[in-house]
Amino acid sequence: MFSTGQLIFGILFFIAFVIVIAYQYRKDLPLHKRYYKGTVWILIAFISFIGLIAAVKFIFM
C-alpha cells in the first residue's frame, strides 16, 4: 500500500509534528492559565449534556 520511503516520511513527520506541538503548548501554558480559567467547567457541562442526550435516547428507544 505504501512504499518504505513513504512510511519513513510519515513516521518522521508525525514525530516532528508532536514535538513541535508539545513545545508550542509548553511555551503558551502561562497564557492559557491566565486567559482560559474556568474553561474546564464548560467542557464538563458539554460532556454532561452529550451524556444526557445519549441517556434519553437509550431510555426512550
Protein backbone atom coordinates (compact mmCIF):
# COMPACT_ATOMS: atom_id res chain seq x y z
CA MET A 1 0.00 0.00 0.00
CA PHE A 2 2.73 2.48 0.99
CA SER A 3 6.35 2.35 -0.06
CA THR A 4 9.12 2.19 2.53
CA GLY A 5 10.08 5.81 1.87
CA GLN A 6 6.51 6.98 2.39
CA LEU A 7 6.25 5.11 5.69
CA ILE A 8 9.54 6.55 6.94
CA PHE A 9 8.48 10.04 5.92
CA GLY A 10 5.10 9.61 7.62
CA ILE A 11 6.64 8.39 10.85
CA LEU A 12 9.26 11.15 10.93
CA PHE A 13 6.67 13.79 10.09
CA PHE A 14 4.40 12.55 12.91
CA ILE A 15 7.26 12.59 15.44
CA ALA A 16 8.34 16.11 14.38
CA PHE A 17 4.72 17.34 14.47
CA VAL A 18 4.17 16.01 18.01
CA ILE A 19 7.43 17.58 19.21
CA VAL A 20 6.56 20.98 17.73
CA ILE A 21 3.01 20.91 19.12
CA ALA A 22 4.28 19.93 22.60
CA TYR A 23 6.91 22.70 22.52
CA GLN A 24 4.38 25.34 21.49
CA TYR A 25 1.90 24.19 24.13
CA ARG A 26 4.55 24.41 26.87
CA LYS A 27 5.55 27.86 25.63
CA ASP A 28 1.94 29.12 25.72
CA LEU A 29 0.99 27.47 29.01
CA PRO A 30 1.23 30.67 31.13
CA LEU A 31 -1.07 32.47 28.70
CA HIS A 32 -3.57 29.60 28.76
CA LYS A 33 -3.64 29.64 32.56
CA ARG A 34 -4.28 33.39 32.60
CA TYR A 35 -6.87 33.74 29.85
CA TYR A 36 -8.71 30.42 29.89
CA LYS A 37 -9.53 29.94 33.58
CA GLY A 38 -12.78 28.08 34.12
CA THR A 39 -13.00 26.53 30.68
CA VAL A 40 -12.80 23.11 32.30
CA TRP A 41 -16.34 23.71 33.61
CA ILE A 42 -17.58 24.38 30.10
CA LEU A 43 -16.01 21.12 28.94
CA ILE A 44 -17.63 19.23 31.83
CA ALA A 45 -21.02 20.81 31.05
CA PHE A 46 -20.69 19.92 27.35
CA ILE A 47 -19.76 16.30 28.07
CA SER A 48 -22.61 16.05 30.60
CA PHE A 49 -25.07 17.43 28.06
CA ILE A 50 -23.97 14.91 25.43
CA GLY A 51 -24.25 12.14 28.05
CA LEU A 52 -27.74 13.33 28.95
CA ILE A 53 -28.81 13.24 25.31
CA ALA A 54 -27.41 9.71 24.94
CA ALA A 55 -29.15 8.58 28.14
CA VAL A 56 -32.50 9.98 26.98
CA LYS A 57 -32.06 8.26 23.63
CA PHE A 58 -31.41 4.87 25.23
CA ILE A 59 -34.24 5.28 27.77
CA PHE A 60 -36.88 6.13 25.17
CA MET A 61 -35.64 3.84 22.44
